[in-house]
Protein backbone atom coordinates (compact mmCIF):
# COMPACT_ATOMS: atom_id res chain seq x y z
CA MET A 1 -59.24 247.55 -100.45
CA GLU A 2 -62.99 247.67 -99.80
CA ILE A 3 -65.45 244.95 -99.98
CA PHE A 4 -67.09 246.19 -103.33
CA GLN A 5 -63.35 246.50 -104.76
CA ILE A 6 -62.54 243.11 -103.75
CA VAL A 7 -65.82 241.46 -105.55
CA ILE A 8 -65.45 243.39 -108.81
CA LEU A 9 -62.08 242.40 -109.11
CA ALA A 10 -62.40 238.81 -108.20
CA LEU A 11 -64.89 238.47 -110.24
CA ILE A 12 -63.06 240.03 -112.97
CA GLN A 13 -60.08 237.53 -112.81
CA GLY A 14 -61.99 234.43 -112.27
CA LEU A 15 -63.85 235.42 -115.58
CA THR A 16 -60.91 236.46 -117.67
CA GLU A 17 -58.54 233.68 -116.71
CA PHE A 18 -59.89 231.19 -118.55
CA LEU A 19 -61.05 233.26 -121.46
CA PRO A 20 -58.80 234.65 -124.49
CA ILE A 21 -59.30 238.03 -123.31
CA SER A 22 -56.26 238.89 -121.18
CA SER A 23 -56.46 239.18 -117.05
CA SER A 24 -54.32 241.81 -117.24
CA ALA A 25 -55.71 244.14 -119.34
CA HIS A 26 -59.06 243.90 -117.47
CA LEU A 27 -57.38 244.51 -114.07
CA ILE A 28 -55.40 247.73 -115.16
CA LEU A 29 -59.03 249.15 -116.05
CA PRO A 30 -60.51 249.69 -112.65
CA LYS A 31 -56.93 251.38 -111.59
CA GLU A 32 -56.77 253.65 -114.73
CA VAL A 33 -60.21 254.65 -114.80
CA LEU A 34 -61.51 254.40 -111.54
CA GLY A 35 -58.25 255.45 -109.43
CA TRP A 36 -58.51 252.18 -107.72
CA PRO A 37 -55.47 250.99 -105.93
CA ASP A 38 -53.28 248.33 -106.56
CA GLN A 39 -54.81 245.06 -105.45
CA GLY A 40 -51.50 243.61 -103.77
CA LEU A 41 -50.11 240.45 -103.14
CA ALA A 42 -52.39 239.11 -101.07
CA PHE A 43 -55.16 239.22 -103.55
CA ASP A 44 -53.20 237.94 -106.12
CA VAL A 45 -52.27 234.60 -104.08
CA ALA A 46 -56.25 234.34 -103.07
CA VAL A 47 -57.38 234.57 -107.05
CA HIS A 48 -54.54 232.49 -108.29
CA PHE A 49 -56.17 229.72 -105.51
CA GLY A 50 -59.41 230.55 -106.44
CA SER A 51 -59.01 229.64 -110.09
CA LEU A 52 -56.37 226.93 -109.46
CA THR A 53 -59.12 225.63 -107.07
CA ALA A 54 -61.83 225.72 -109.83
CA VAL A 55 -59.99 224.25 -113.11
CA ILE A 56 -58.84 221.27 -110.58
CA LEU A 57 -62.82 220.77 -109.79
CA TYR A 58 -64.03 220.82 -113.19
CA PHE A 59 -61.51 218.51 -114.18
CA ARG A 60 -61.49 216.53 -111.64
CA HIS A 61 -62.09 213.02 -113.02
CA GLU A 62 -59.62 214.00 -115.75
CA VAL A 63 -57.00 215.04 -113.18
CA TRP A 64 -57.12 211.92 -111.47
CA ALA A 65 -57.00 209.94 -114.50
CA LEU A 66 -53.45 211.63 -115.60
CA LEU A 67 -51.55 211.44 -112.40
CA ARG A 68 -52.94 207.85 -112.16
CA ASP A 69 -51.83 207.35 -115.75
CA GLY A 70 -48.90 209.23 -116.07
CA LEU A 71 -47.23 207.81 -112.64
CA GLY A 72 -48.58 204.11 -113.50
CA GLY A 73 -46.95 204.46 -117.02
CA LEU A 74 -43.52 204.89 -115.22
CA VAL A 75 -43.92 201.61 -113.24
CA HIS A 76 -45.30 199.41 -115.82
CA GLY A 77 -43.68 201.01 -118.84
CA LYS A 78 -46.74 201.44 -120.95
CA PHE A 79 -48.74 204.72 -121.19
CA SER A 80 -52.41 204.99 -121.73
CA ASP A 81 -54.14 208.15 -123.48
CA ASP A 82 -54.01 210.00 -120.72
CA GLY A 83 -50.86 209.06 -119.13
CA ARG A 84 -49.25 210.26 -122.23
CA LEU A 85 -51.38 213.41 -122.04
CA ALA A 86 -50.04 213.99 -118.59
CA TRP A 87 -46.47 214.14 -119.87
CA LEU A 88 -47.19 216.24 -122.42
CA ILE A 89 -48.70 218.71 -120.39
CA VAL A 90 -45.34 218.32 -118.03
CA LEU A 91 -43.43 218.83 -121.28
CA ALA A 92 -45.41 221.96 -122.21
CA THR A 93 -45.24 223.60 -118.95
CA VAL A 94 -40.99 223.74 -119.25
CA PRO A 95 -40.90 226.99 -121.31
CA ALA A 96 -42.98 228.73 -119.24
CA GLY A 97 -41.30 227.67 -116.31
CA LEU A 98 -37.79 228.40 -117.33
CA THR A 99 -39.04 231.95 -118.86
CA GLY A 100 -40.58 233.38 -115.70
CA LEU A 101 -37.47 232.34 -114.08
CA ALA A 102 -35.04 233.90 -116.05
CA PHE A 103 -37.20 237.06 -117.03
CA LYS A 104 -39.21 237.29 -113.86
CA GLY A 105 -37.65 240.92 -112.94
CA PHE A 106 -37.42 242.05 -116.30
CA ILE A 107 -41.11 241.20 -116.92
CA GLU A 108 -42.56 242.70 -113.63
CA HIS A 109 -40.31 246.04 -114.09
CA SER A 110 -39.99 246.81 -117.56
CA LEU A 111 -42.93 245.14 -119.25
CA ARG A 112 -46.33 246.24 -116.71
CA SER A 113 -47.20 249.04 -118.77
CA ALA A 114 -50.61 250.27 -120.00
CA ALA A 115 -48.89 250.57 -123.49
CA VAL A 116 -47.84 247.09 -123.53
CA ILE A 117 -51.02 245.37 -122.03
CA ALA A 118 -52.60 247.83 -124.94
CA ALA A 119 -50.44 246.70 -127.90
CA SER A 120 -50.09 242.98 -126.51
CA THR A 121 -54.04 242.73 -126.31
CA ILE A 122 -54.58 244.07 -129.78
CA GLY A 123 -51.55 242.01 -131.61
CA PHE A 124 -52.56 238.56 -130.03
CA GLY A 125 -56.35 239.68 -130.48
CA ILE A 126 -55.41 239.86 -134.40
CA LEU A 127 -53.40 236.41 -134.19
CA LEU A 128 -56.34 234.39 -132.29
CA TRP A 129 -58.89 235.60 -135.10
CA TRP A 130 -56.30 234.72 -137.91
CA ALA A 131 -55.69 231.29 -136.53
CA ASP A 132 -59.33 230.50 -136.07
CA VAL A 133 -60.36 231.37 -139.48
CA ARG A 134 -57.13 229.43 -141.00
CA ALA A 135 -57.25 226.93 -138.50
CA LYS A 136 -58.00 223.29 -140.30
CA ARG A 137 -59.27 221.79 -136.88
CA GLN A 138 -59.06 218.28 -137.38
CA LEU A 139 -57.08 216.94 -134.36
CA ALA A 140 -58.46 215.52 -131.44
CA LEU A 141 -56.66 216.04 -127.83
CA ASN A 142 -55.56 212.21 -127.97
CA GLN A 143 -53.74 212.88 -131.33
CA LEU A 144 -51.64 215.72 -129.89
CA ASP A 145 -47.83 214.53 -130.24
CA TRP A 146 -44.88 215.92 -127.86
CA LYS A 147 -43.33 218.47 -131.02
CA LYS A 148 -47.03 220.15 -131.01
CA ALA A 149 -47.02 220.02 -127.27
CA LEU A 150 -43.90 221.68 -127.05
CA MET A 151 -44.86 224.38 -129.74
CA ILE A 152 -47.88 225.25 -127.16
CA GLY A 153 -45.84 225.14 -124.37
CA VAL A 154 -43.49 228.01 -126.40
CA ALA A 155 -46.19 229.94 -126.91
CA GLN A 156 -47.73 229.75 -123.03
CA ALA A 157 -44.22 231.24 -122.25
CA LEU A 158 -45.47 234.57 -124.41
CA ALA A 159 -48.01 235.03 -121.91
CA LEU A 160 -45.52 236.25 -119.58
CA ILE A 161 -46.13 239.53 -121.36
CA PRO A 162 -48.72 241.49 -119.84
CA GLY A 163 -51.97 241.23 -122.11
CA THR A 164 -51.04 238.28 -124.15
CA SER A 165 -53.69 236.18 -122.26
CA ARG A 166 -52.41 232.33 -121.17
CA SER A 167 -55.48 231.04 -122.66
CA GLY A 168 -55.94 233.33 -126.20
CA ILE A 169 -52.03 232.54 -126.82
CA THR A 170 -52.19 228.67 -126.17
CA MET A 171 -55.51 228.42 -128.07
CA THR A 172 -54.32 230.39 -131.02
CA ALA A 173 -51.12 227.61 -131.20
CA GLY A 174 -53.26 224.74 -130.71
CA LEU A 175 -55.78 225.83 -133.59
CA MET A 176 -52.75 226.78 -135.61
CA LEU A 177 -51.23 223.05 -135.03
CA GLY A 178 -54.60 221.91 -136.47
CA MET A 179 -56.60 221.20 -133.13
CA LYS A 180 -60.19 221.39 -132.93
CA ARG A 181 -61.46 224.29 -130.69
CA GLU A 182 -62.69 222.00 -127.83
CA ALA A 183 -59.53 220.36 -127.58
CA ALA A 184 -57.54 223.35 -127.89
CA ALA A 185 -59.37 224.85 -125.09
CA ARG A 186 -59.23 221.95 -122.80
CA PHE A 187 -55.50 221.40 -123.34
CA SER A 188 -55.09 224.80 -122.55
CA PHE A 189 -57.02 224.52 -119.44
CA LEU A 190 -55.28 221.64 -118.20
CA MET A 191 -52.02 223.07 -118.95
CA SER A 192 -53.20 226.07 -116.63
CA ILE A 193 -53.12 223.67 -113.70
CA PRO A 194 -49.18 223.64 -113.16
CA VAL A 195 -48.46 227.02 -114.17
CA ILE A 196 -51.03 228.82 -111.82
CA ALA A 197 -49.90 226.08 -109.31
CA LEU A 198 -46.36 226.83 -109.61
CA SER A 199 -47.21 230.93 -109.96
CA ALA A 200 -49.52 230.76 -106.86
CA LEU A 201 -46.75 229.08 -104.58
CA LEU A 202 -43.89 231.86 -105.82
CA LEU A 203 -46.25 234.38 -104.75
CA THR A 204 -47.03 232.45 -101.39
CA PHE A 205 -43.52 232.44 -100.48
CA ASP A 206 -43.32 236.42 -101.32
CA LEU A 207 -46.28 236.83 -99.27
CA LEU A 208 -44.56 235.41 -96.11
CA ASP A 209 -42.51 238.62 -95.91
CA GLU A 210 -45.52 240.33 -95.34
CA GLN A 211 -46.14 241.97 -92.42
CA SER A 212 -49.84 241.50 -91.82
CA VAL A 213 -51.85 239.79 -94.12
CA PRO A 214 -55.82 240.67 -94.58
CA TRP A 215 -56.89 237.10 -94.27
CA GLY A 216 -60.52 237.96 -95.02
CA ASP A 217 -59.51 239.69 -98.43
CA ILE A 218 -58.09 236.36 -99.27
CA PHE A 219 -61.00 234.09 -98.46
CA LEU A 220 -63.39 236.35 -100.15
CA GLY A 221 -61.46 237.03 -103.32
CA ALA A 222 -60.12 233.49 -103.32
CA LEU A 223 -64.05 231.96 -102.91
CA LEU A 224 -65.56 234.87 -105.73
CA SER A 225 -62.45 234.12 -108.44
CA GLY A 226 -63.00 230.55 -108.19
CA ILE A 227 -66.70 230.28 -108.35
CA SER A 228 -66.57 233.03 -111.65
CA ALA A 229 -63.84 230.55 -112.96
CA TYR A 230 -65.59 227.56 -112.84
CA LEU A 231 -68.70 229.19 -114.30
CA CYS A 232 -66.56 230.37 -116.88
CA ILE A 233 -64.69 227.12 -118.02
CA HIS A 234 -68.03 225.32 -117.82
CA PHE A 235 -69.87 227.76 -120.66
CA PHE A 236 -66.70 228.48 -122.92
CA LEU A 237 -66.58 224.40 -123.27
CA GLN A 238 -70.34 224.39 -124.19
CA PHE A 239 -70.28 226.96 -126.49
CA ILE A 240 -66.81 227.52 -128.29
CA SER A 241 -67.30 225.08 -131.18
CA ARG A 242 -69.99 227.17 -132.11
CA ILE A 243 -69.33 230.61 -131.70
CA GLY A 244 -65.60 230.11 -132.41
CA MET A 245 -63.02 232.67 -131.58
CA ALA A 246 -64.28 235.81 -133.58
CA PRO A 247 -66.21 237.60 -130.64
CA PHE A 248 -63.08 237.47 -128.11
CA ALA A 249 -60.82 238.52 -130.85
CA ILE A 250 -63.39 241.30 -131.83
CA TYR A 251 -63.74 242.19 -127.94
CA ARG A 252 -59.72 242.41 -127.57
CA LEU A 253 -59.75 244.64 -130.55
CA LEU A 254 -62.18 246.82 -128.99
CA LEU A 255 -60.44 246.62 -125.42
CA GLY A 256 -57.24 247.27 -126.49
CA ALA A 257 -58.36 250.34 -128.43
CA ALA A 258 -59.91 251.78 -125.19
CA LEU A 259 -56.69 251.30 -123.56
CA ILE A 260 -54.74 253.17 -125.84
CA TRP A 261 -57.22 255.95 -125.93
CA MET A 262 -57.19 256.39 -121.95
CA ILE A 263 -53.24 256.29 -122.33
CA TRP A 264 -53.25 259.06 -125.10
CA GLY A 265 -56.85 260.25 -125.46
């Protein structure tokens, strides 16, 4: 890929990874509209590591507390709020992990189409809007129990369908279960850490079979993806309680309509 393409695609990935608007829907646009080549496996690895680094750095204090109290609770037999949250995140990761392992081949060969991405972008956008309007928004993050965490984890597994948006579907589920907007967003972002880490690890194993690895592209893609993802997380958490999910839902509807127009127009 050319440097300009790397920059644009890395920024798109970083910005859309944590917004509820679907990164896969956006990454298909340069290919369909501009005829750009597929970004390739090496670039996928790079932007995944960039996003992972961003979320870990942003929540570094929370991540340390989760690791410390989560493991400490096993030793002492008593869990703090952070220790309990750590194991809720582990529990919520299980459905996506099992689903990914079971249906990875089917998803890659049968669901990565513009039609599927357009339909899921619109459908889950409407669901996000409905959840935000109907939500009670009463529960804080420390009030989350294992049943709700597992249900959000099941919702996260749906994000394996291209166009769904991992952050979008987990926030939707959190809102439907009565969580406050910021609490739903924080849990979604913290849940992303093990999921992105596992995805990046699997992609890295696949990358080992590559004959040549463009390390320059990898470094630039990871750097730009990480910076844009970090800023995205920061500003999203600053404003989500005030602006709500409606702007993102409307944007998804417009994006889905644009994809449909490109396919059948």
